[in-house]
Amino acid sequence: MDDKLPDLCDQHPDAVQWVPMQWFDYGAKRGFEGRVRTVRCYRDNSKVKALLASPGDGQVLVVDGSGAMDRALLGDLIGQSAVDNHWAGIVIAGPVRDAATLSTLPLGIKALGVCPIKTHKYDQGEVDVAITLAGITLTVGDYLYADQNGVIVCTKPLNT
């Protein structure tokens, strides 16, 4: 799926929305797609960890880190859990850690940056809620497509 976003945007201009954020790639897969699941959290990745430990069935987890860049919401162990449970990818509006190890995982991972500090574990956060990133609302069941050109979402699957 590498470099397919421009074509999808050209072919479906009225169906797709670009999430206007500048993402960094951390997983070994640069292109990925799947149905959306969501987590909203603040300095606590308990819900991220729990969801990625469940069957992913090729879905993409989108995490709204509530603007905090001082706690990593994903690291190598949770990343490996996502691979083991067949998630297609993870998009995090926040930081990750263990970047060198994440880069070896056969998983799409996009995030806003890195932070070596782990999160608190208070089991706080919300799962499968509508989240808004840079003015674009993502809901459970939306379709997400990602590559090195960014992230787009739509309400129906596109021909890739």
Protein backbone atom coordinates (compact mmCIF):
# COMPACT_ATOMS: atom_id res chain seq x y z
CA MET A 1 0.00 0.00 0.00
CA ASP A 2 3.05 2.30 -0.09
CA ASP A 3 2.39 5.64 -1.82
CA LYS A 4 -1.27 4.90 -2.53
CA LEU A 5 -2.75 7.82 -0.61
CA PRO A 6 -2.31 10.38 -3.40
CA ASP A 7 -4.11 8.05 -5.82
CA LEU A 8 -6.91 7.35 -3.34
CA CYS A 9 -7.35 11.07 -2.74
CA ASP A 10 -7.48 11.71 -6.50
CA GLN A 11 -9.95 8.87 -7.13
CA HIS A 12 -12.23 9.62 -4.15
CA PRO A 13 -11.97 13.37 -3.45
CA ASP A 14 -15.43 13.61 -1.90
CA ALA A 15 -15.11 10.47 0.24
CA VAL A 16 -11.80 10.93 2.04
CA GLN A 17 -10.62 13.29 4.73
CA TRP A 18 -6.93 13.94 5.31
CA VAL A 19 -5.90 14.14 8.96
CA PRO A 20 -3.70 17.26 8.69
CA MET A 21 -0.97 16.27 11.12
CA GLN A 22 2.67 15.57 10.38
CA TRP A 23 3.26 11.97 11.44
CA PHE A 24 6.49 10.06 11.90
CA ASP A 25 6.70 6.38 10.92
CA TYR A 26 7.97 4.00 13.60
CA GLY A 27 6.89 0.51 12.47
CA ALA A 28 8.42 -1.59 9.69
CA LYS A 29 5.25 -1.23 7.58
CA ARG A 30 4.95 2.21 6.01
CA GLY A 31 1.60 1.54 4.35
CA PHE A 32 -1.36 0.06 6.20
CA GLU A 33 -5.13 0.20 6.33
CA GLY A 34 -8.05 -1.09 8.34
CA ARG A 35 -11.20 -0.34 10.25
CA VAL A 36 -10.80 2.12 13.09
CA ARG A 37 -10.91 1.48 16.84
CA THR A 38 -10.21 4.37 19.19
CA VAL A 39 -8.75 5.23 22.58
CA ARG A 40 -8.67 8.64 24.25
CA CYS A 41 -6.20 8.85 27.13
CA TYR A 42 -3.97 11.25 29.03
CA ARG A 43 -0.56 10.06 30.24
CA ASP A 44 -2.00 6.57 30.85
CA ASN A 45 -1.77 3.82 28.22
CA SER A 46 -3.68 1.17 30.18
CA LYS A 47 -6.54 1.12 27.65
CA VAL A 48 -4.09 1.05 24.73
CA LYS A 49 -2.33 -1.96 26.23
CA ALA A 50 -5.60 -3.80 26.95
CA LEU A 51 -7.07 -3.20 23.51
CA LEU A 52 -3.91 -4.23 21.64
CA ALA A 53 -3.84 -7.44 23.70
CA SER A 54 -7.20 -8.40 22.18
CA PRO A 55 -7.82 -9.74 18.65
CA GLY A 56 -7.18 -6.98 16.13
CA ASP A 57 -8.50 -8.71 13.01
CA GLY A 58 -6.60 -6.26 10.79
CA GLN A 59 -7.96 -3.15 12.47
CA VAL A 60 -6.13 0.12 13.16
CA LEU A 61 -6.04 1.63 16.63
CA VAL A 62 -6.19 5.43 16.68
CA VAL A 63 -5.07 6.97 19.98
CA ASP A 64 -5.81 10.52 21.05
CA GLY A 65 -3.13 11.28 23.64
CA SER A 66 -4.89 14.51 24.67
CA GLY A 67 -1.90 16.65 23.73
CA ALA A 68 0.60 15.18 26.20
CA MET A 69 4.05 14.62 24.71
CA ASP A 70 5.80 13.77 28.00
CA ARG A 71 4.68 10.12 28.34
CA ALA A 72 5.07 7.43 25.67
CA LEU A 73 1.76 5.74 24.83
CA LEU A 74 3.36 2.78 23.02
CA GLY A 75 6.58 0.84 23.53
CA ASP A 76 8.15 -2.37 22.30
CA LEU A 77 6.17 -4.81 24.48
CA ILE A 78 2.76 -3.38 23.60
CA GLY A 79 3.85 -3.10 19.97
CA GLN A 80 4.74 -6.79 19.92
CA SER A 81 1.37 -7.57 21.50
CA ALA A 82 -0.32 -5.72 18.61
CA VAL A 83 1.63 -7.85 16.11
CA ASP A 84 0.78 -11.06 17.99
CA ASN A 85 -2.91 -10.10 17.98
CA HIS A 86 -3.05 -9.21 14.27
CA TRP A 87 -3.55 -5.43 14.35
CA ALA A 88 -2.77 -3.72 11.03
CA GLY A 89 -1.52 -0.52 12.57
CA ILE A 90 -1.54 2.11 15.27
CA VAL A 91 -1.85 5.88 14.83
CA ILE A 92 -0.95 7.84 17.96
CA ALA A 93 -1.51 11.55 18.49
CA GLY A 94 1.27 11.44 21.06
CA PRO A 95 4.72 9.86 21.49
CA VAL A 96 6.14 6.34 21.44
CA ARG A 97 9.32 4.87 22.96
CA ASP A 98 11.65 1.98 22.11
CA ALA A 99 11.76 3.42 18.60
CA ALA A 100 14.60 1.16 17.38
CA THR A 101 12.70 -1.99 18.34
CA LEU A 102 9.38 -0.67 17.01
CA SER A 103 11.05 -0.15 13.64
CA THR A 104 11.60 -3.91 13.35
CA LEU A 105 7.98 -4.90 14.00
CA PRO A 106 5.82 -5.89 10.99
CA LEU A 107 3.25 -3.27 11.95
CA GLY A 108 2.25 0.19 10.80
CA ILE A 109 2.96 2.74 13.53
CA LYS A 110 2.53 6.48 13.14
CA ALA A 111 3.05 8.92 16.02
CA LEU A 112 3.93 12.54 16.67
CA GLY A 113 7.31 11.84 18.23
CA VAL A 114 9.24 9.97 20.90
CA CYS A 115 9.58 10.16 24.67
CA PRO A 116 11.59 7.70 26.79
CA ILE A 117 9.28 7.99 29.82
CA LYS A 118 6.53 5.43 30.38
CA THR A 119 2.98 6.34 31.31
CA HIS A 120 1.13 6.01 34.56
CA LYS A 121 -1.10 2.95 34.91
CA TYR A 122 -4.40 4.04 36.45
CA ASP A 123 -6.68 2.21 33.99
CA GLN A 124 -8.04 5.55 32.82
CA GLY A 125 -9.15 6.49 29.34
CA GLU A 126 -12.03 5.90 26.97
CA VAL A 127 -12.34 3.14 24.37
CA ASP A 128 -14.33 3.28 21.13
CA VAL A 129 -15.37 6.92 21.48
CA ALA A 130 -15.40 9.50 18.70
CA ILE A 131 -12.13 11.42 18.71
CA THR A 132 -11.17 14.56 16.84
CA LEU A 133 -7.64 15.05 15.53
CA ALA A 134 -6.78 18.35 13.85
CA GLY A 135 -10.47 19.00 13.17
CA ILE A 136 -11.19 15.55 11.70
CA THR A 137 -13.53 13.29 13.67
CA LEU A 138 -12.80 9.56 13.63
CA THR A 139 -15.34 7.03 14.83
CA VAL A 140 -15.26 3.31 15.35
CA GLY A 141 -15.81 1.51 12.06
CA ASP A 142 -14.38 4.25 9.86
CA TYR A 143 -11.75 3.13 7.36
CA LEU A 144 -8.22 4.44 7.75
CA TYR A 145 -5.50 4.40 5.11
CA ALA A 146 -1.92 5.41 5.88
CA ASP A 147 1.41 5.61 4.12
CA GLN A 148 4.35 7.99 4.05
CA ASN A 149 2.04 10.68 2.65
CA GLY A 150 -0.04 10.78 5.83
CA VAL A 151 -3.36 9.47 7.09
CA ILE A 152 -6.80 9.61 5.48
CA VAL A 153 -10.15 8.36 6.74
CA CYS A 154 -13.53 7.67 5.20
CA THR A 155 -16.77 5.97 6.11
CA LYS A 156 -16.60 3.21 3.49
CA PRO A 157 -13.85 0.98 2.11
CA LEU A 158 -12.01 2.24 -0.95
CA ASN A 159 -10.67 0.24 -3.86
CA THR A 160 -6.97 -0.06 -3.21
